[in-house]
Amino acid sequence: MAGPLLRMDAIEKSFGAIRALKGVSLALERGEALALVGDNAAGKSTLMKVLSGAVIPDRGRIFLEGKPVAFRDPQDARRLGIEMVYQDLSLCDSVDVGKNLFLGREPVRRIAGIPVLDDAVLYRRTAEMLAGLDIQVASVRLPVRLLSGGQRQAIAIARAVSFQPRILILDEPTAALAVKEVEKVLALAQRLKGQGVAIILITHRLQDIFRVCDRVMVMFEGENVAERSIAETTLEEVVRLIVRAA
């Protein structure tokens, strides 16, 4: 029987005297959505930065499809199909939707041997990508700063999805969004999960995990203190686990 898509074993990370991760282990199946919850400074984001290649662990091992891997930077993780959408989104506000999606890998054509941006291809691919994800914006040429919070979040997720990840990490994707926009972002996460993408969701909005996730993992001060199947737990129990840990 095939093992999990991802396994992180006994991951440790310290920043000076602060032990951010104290031997955390995690497993993720193909097409599964896992919620990471816990108070601030629990180690959730640090663990995911290790997985996305942004932070190098002091100890521990990572396995993808049973094979050991090591990441020196986010490009290493991306090449193996791991993408992370950060809470600050990392979008360029002054640039339009299409150019944000293809930033750094813009399609080009040659005129008299000189490479120039192929706007027609860029915006056509953008429209096709957004349509495939059921993301609606007034125009693919609209500057990102003019989009709503939910639309900006969707564009950030679409950019990550354009790299065709096997694992997508979402760091607080619904924070500070209006209810209607939260629904759209969660629906997008559900669609991606349905397409076979494994998702790790970091969130303080505990009600969201019951819409999208299959399992929940509770962290506290750099340790995994509890895990539950979503089908076998309740919002009240998850709150108790977090409060009890604290």
Protein backbone atom coordinates (compact mmCIF):
# COMPACT_ATOMS: atom_id res chain seq x y z
CA MET A 1 0.00 0.00 0.00
CA ALA A 2 1.34 3.45 -0.93
CA GLY A 3 2.45 5.66 1.92
CA PRO A 4 1.47 9.30 2.46
CA LEU A 5 2.28 11.97 -0.10
CA LEU A 6 4.18 13.94 2.54
CA ARG A 7 5.85 13.02 5.80
CA MET A 8 7.72 15.40 8.07
CA ASP A 9 9.60 13.63 10.87
CA ALA A 10 10.81 15.25 14.09
CA ILE A 11 11.37 18.73 12.64
CA GLU A 12 13.32 21.06 14.91
CA LYS A 13 14.11 24.74 14.46
CA SER A 14 15.54 27.33 16.82
CA PHE A 15 16.02 31.07 16.36
CA GLY A 16 18.69 31.93 18.89
CA ALA A 17 17.42 30.83 22.29
CA ILE A 18 13.85 30.39 21.03
CA ARG A 19 12.90 26.81 20.10
CA ALA A 20 10.23 27.40 17.48
CA LEU A 21 9.80 23.71 16.58
CA LYS A 22 10.51 20.90 19.03
CA GLY A 23 10.44 17.71 16.98
CA VAL A 24 7.17 18.13 15.06
CA SER A 25 5.94 15.32 12.80
CA LEU A 26 3.22 15.58 10.18
CA ALA A 27 1.74 13.39 7.44
CA LEU A 28 -0.45 14.37 4.49
CA GLU A 29 -2.27 12.15 2.03
CA ARG A 30 -2.87 12.88 -1.64
CA GLY A 31 -5.90 15.13 -2.09
CA GLU A 32 -6.28 15.62 1.67
CA ALA A 33 -6.86 18.94 3.44
CA LEU A 34 -5.16 19.31 6.82
CA ALA A 35 -5.84 22.22 9.20
CA LEU A 36 -3.05 23.58 11.40
CA VAL A 37 -4.44 25.45 14.40
CA GLY A 38 -3.15 26.86 17.67
CA ASP A 39 -2.38 30.12 19.43
CA ASN A 40 0.09 32.66 18.09
CA ALA A 41 3.72 31.47 18.30
CA ALA A 42 2.58 27.82 18.25
CA GLY A 43 4.98 27.13 15.37
CA LYS A 44 2.43 26.67 12.57
CA SER A 45 3.90 29.17 10.12
CA THR A 46 7.49 28.16 10.92
CA LEU A 47 6.67 24.51 10.19
CA MET A 48 5.11 25.46 6.87
CA LYS A 49 8.04 27.72 5.99
CA VAL A 50 10.26 24.67 6.50
CA LEU A 51 8.04 22.71 4.11
CA SER A 52 8.01 25.51 1.53
CA GLY A 53 11.79 25.94 1.63
CA ALA A 54 11.80 29.41 3.22
CA VAL A 55 13.31 28.13 6.48
CA ILE A 56 15.95 25.39 6.79
CA PRO A 57 15.35 23.11 9.80
CA ASP A 58 18.05 22.32 12.34
CA ARG A 59 17.02 18.66 12.53
CA GLY A 60 14.42 16.29 11.11
CA ARG A 61 13.62 14.81 7.73
CA ILE A 62 11.06 15.41 4.99
CA PHE A 63 9.79 12.69 2.66
CA LEU A 64 7.76 13.13 -0.53
CA GLU A 65 6.17 9.93 -1.81
CA GLY A 66 8.52 8.03 0.50
CA LYS A 67 11.70 9.66 -0.83
CA PRO A 68 13.84 11.93 1.37
CA VAL A 69 14.05 15.53 0.16
CA ALA A 70 15.81 18.68 1.35
CA PHE A 71 15.09 22.27 0.38
CA ARG A 72 17.66 25.05 0.25
CA ASP A 73 15.10 27.66 -0.82
CA PRO A 74 11.49 28.00 -2.06
CA GLN A 75 12.57 27.21 -5.62
CA ASP A 76 13.63 23.73 -4.51
CA ALA A 77 10.21 23.18 -2.93
CA ARG A 78 8.43 24.56 -6.00
CA ARG A 79 10.28 22.18 -8.29
CA LEU A 80 8.87 19.31 -6.21
CA GLY A 81 5.33 20.68 -6.31
CA ILE A 82 5.01 22.61 -3.04
CA GLU A 83 3.57 26.15 -3.00
CA MET A 84 2.75 28.49 -0.11
CA VAL A 85 0.41 31.48 -0.21
CA TYR A 86 1.46 33.82 2.59
CA GLN A 87 -0.89 35.98 4.62
CA ASP A 88 0.56 39.15 3.03
CA LEU A 89 -0.15 37.59 -0.43
CA SER A 90 3.09 38.91 -2.01
CA LEU A 91 1.21 40.53 -4.88
CA CYS A 92 2.39 43.63 -6.74
CA ASP A 93 -0.37 46.21 -6.23
CA SER A 94 0.67 48.46 -9.12
CA VAL A 95 0.61 45.60 -11.64
CA ASP A 96 -2.52 44.15 -13.24
CA VAL A 97 -4.03 40.72 -12.66
CA GLY A 98 -2.42 39.01 -15.64
CA LYS A 99 1.07 40.33 -14.97
CA ASN A 100 0.80 39.30 -11.32
CA LEU A 101 -0.07 35.75 -12.34
CA PHE A 102 2.88 35.50 -14.72
CA LEU A 103 5.34 37.71 -12.84
CA GLY A 104 8.87 36.56 -13.61
CA ARG A 105 7.78 34.12 -16.34
CA GLU A 106 5.98 36.36 -18.81
CA PRO A 107 5.36 34.91 -22.30
CA VAL A 108 7.45 36.64 -24.95
CA ARG A 109 7.57 36.84 -28.73
CA ARG A 110 10.39 38.06 -30.93
CA ILE A 111 10.35 41.09 -33.20
CA ALA A 112 13.44 41.34 -35.39
CA GLY A 113 15.09 38.90 -32.99
CA ILE A 114 14.33 41.05 -29.93
CA PRO A 115 12.17 39.43 -27.19
CA VAL A 116 9.10 41.51 -26.22
CA LEU A 117 6.22 40.78 -23.89
CA ASP A 118 3.39 38.90 -25.64
CA ASP A 119 0.39 40.65 -24.10
CA ALA A 120 -2.15 38.70 -26.13
CA VAL A 121 -0.88 35.33 -24.90
CA LEU A 122 -0.46 36.55 -21.32
CA TYR A 123 -4.02 37.85 -20.99
CA ARG A 124 -5.53 34.89 -22.84
CA ARG A 125 -3.81 32.44 -20.52
CA THR A 126 -4.86 34.52 -17.52
CA ALA A 127 -8.51 34.48 -18.58
CA GLU A 128 -8.37 30.72 -19.19
CA MET A 129 -6.76 30.08 -15.81
CA LEU A 130 -9.25 32.20 -13.88
CA ALA A 131 -12.18 30.63 -15.73
CA GLY A 132 -10.90 27.17 -14.87
CA LEU A 133 -10.82 28.12 -11.19
CA ASP A 134 -14.14 30.00 -11.37
CA ILE A 135 -12.45 33.24 -10.26
CA GLN A 136 -14.27 36.34 -11.44
CA VAL A 137 -12.71 39.77 -11.93
CA ALA A 138 -13.95 42.69 -14.03
CA SER A 139 -10.84 42.58 -16.23
CA VAL A 140 -7.55 40.69 -16.31
CA ARG A 141 -5.97 44.08 -17.04
CA LEU A 142 -7.24 45.59 -13.78
CA PRO A 143 -4.52 46.65 -11.30
CA VAL A 144 -4.53 44.36 -8.26
CA ARG A 145 -4.87 47.34 -5.89
CA LEU A 146 -8.41 47.86 -7.22
CA LEU A 147 -9.58 44.33 -6.33
CA SER A 148 -11.49 43.36 -3.20
CA GLY A 149 -9.75 41.42 -0.44
CA GLY A 150 -11.34 38.17 -1.55
CA GLN A 151 -10.37 38.72 -5.17
CA ARG A 152 -6.79 39.51 -4.16
CA GLN A 153 -6.65 36.30 -2.13
CA ALA A 154 -8.05 34.34 -5.08
CA ILE A 155 -5.44 35.83 -7.43
CA ALA A 156 -2.65 34.89 -5.01
CA ILE A 157 -3.98 31.33 -4.85
CA ALA A 158 -4.34 31.22 -8.65
CA ARG A 159 -0.70 32.28 -9.03
CA ALA A 160 0.36 29.43 -6.74
CA VAL A 161 -1.89 26.98 -8.60
CA SER A 162 -0.37 28.03 -11.93
CA PHE A 163 2.80 26.20 -10.85
CA GLN A 164 0.69 23.00 -10.68
CA PRO A 165 1.49 22.13 -7.06
CA ARG A 166 0.87 18.78 -5.43
CA ILE A 167 0.77 20.50 -2.03
CA LEU A 168 -0.70 23.98 -1.48
CA ILE A 169 -0.15 25.76 1.85
CA LEU A 170 -2.62 28.54 2.69
CA ASP A 171 -1.62 30.85 5.56
CA GLU A 172 -4.72 32.55 7.00
CA PRO A 173 -6.46 32.85 3.60
CA THR A 174 -9.73 34.22 5.04
CA ALA A 175 -8.32 36.64 7.62
CA ALA A 176 -9.97 40.08 7.48
CA LEU A 177 -12.36 39.09 4.68
CA ALA A 178 -16.09 39.81 4.57
CA VAL A 179 -18.40 36.81 4.90
CA LYS A 180 -19.23 36.68 1.18
CA GLU A 181 -15.55 36.77 0.25
CA VAL A 182 -14.73 34.06 2.80
CA GLU A 183 -17.24 31.81 1.07
CA LYS A 184 -15.58 32.35 -2.30
CA VAL A 185 -12.09 31.57 -0.99
CA LEU A 186 -13.29 28.41 0.78
CA ALA A 187 -15.12 27.31 -2.35
CA LEU A 188 -11.89 27.76 -4.33
CA ALA A 189 -10.00 25.64 -1.79
CA GLN A 190 -12.68 22.96 -2.10
CA ARG A 191 -12.37 22.94 -5.90
CA LEU A 192 -8.60 22.55 -5.70
CA LYS A 193 -8.96 19.70 -3.25
CA GLY A 194 -11.43 18.08 -5.63
CA GLN A 195 -8.78 18.31 -8.36
CA GLY A 196 -6.39 16.26 -6.20
CA VAL A 197 -4.30 19.04 -4.68
CA ALA A 198 -3.31 18.34 -1.06
CA ILE A 199 -3.96 21.42 1.08
CA ILE A 200 -2.56 22.57 4.41
CA LEU A 201 -4.65 25.37 5.92
CA ILE A 202 -3.32 27.59 8.70
CA THR A 203 -6.20 29.51 10.26
CA HIS A 204 -7.62 31.08 13.39
CA ARG A 205 -11.13 30.90 11.89
CA LEU A 206 -11.95 27.48 13.25
CA GLN A 207 -15.32 27.30 11.53
CA ASP A 208 -13.52 27.32 8.17
CA ILE A 209 -11.79 24.00 8.81
CA PHE A 210 -15.13 22.19 8.97
CA ARG A 211 -15.89 23.42 5.45
CA VAL A 212 -12.67 22.32 3.79
CA CYS A 213 -10.50 20.02 5.90
CA ASP A 214 -10.34 16.28 6.56
CA ARG A 215 -8.11 16.45 9.65
CA VAL A 216 -7.01 19.03 12.19
CA MET A 217 -3.65 19.20 13.96
CA VAL A 218 -3.29 21.35 17.09
CA MET A 219 0.09 22.92 17.85
CA PHE A 220 1.37 24.61 21.00
CA GLU A 221 4.81 26.11 21.63
CA GLY A 222 6.46 24.22 18.80
CA GLU A 223 4.85 20.85 19.40
CA ASN A 224 2.00 18.81 17.91
CA VAL A 225 -0.29 18.27 20.91
CA ALA A 226 -3.39 16.73 19.29
CA GLU A 227 -4.85 15.46 16.01
CA ARG A 228 -8.46 14.71 15.12
CA SER A 229 -10.45 13.63 12.10
CA ILE A 230 -12.89 16.41 11.19
CA ALA A 231 -15.65 13.81 10.85
CA GLU A 232 -15.07 12.73 14.45
CA THR A 233 -14.70 16.07 16.24
CA THR A 234 -16.58 19.30 16.82
CA LEU A 235 -15.77 22.99 16.91
CA GLU A 236 -16.18 22.89 20.68
CA GLU A 237 -13.65 20.07 21.04
CA VAL A 238 -11.09 21.81 18.84
CA VAL A 239 -11.46 24.96 20.97
CA ARG A 240 -10.99 22.88 24.14
CA LEU A 241 -7.85 21.27 22.70
CA ILE A 242 -6.35 24.67 21.90
CA VAL A 243 -7.29 26.19 25.26
CA ARG A 244 -6.13 23.12 27.19
CA ALA A 245 -2.76 23.22 25.45
CA ALA A 246 -2.38 26.89 26.33
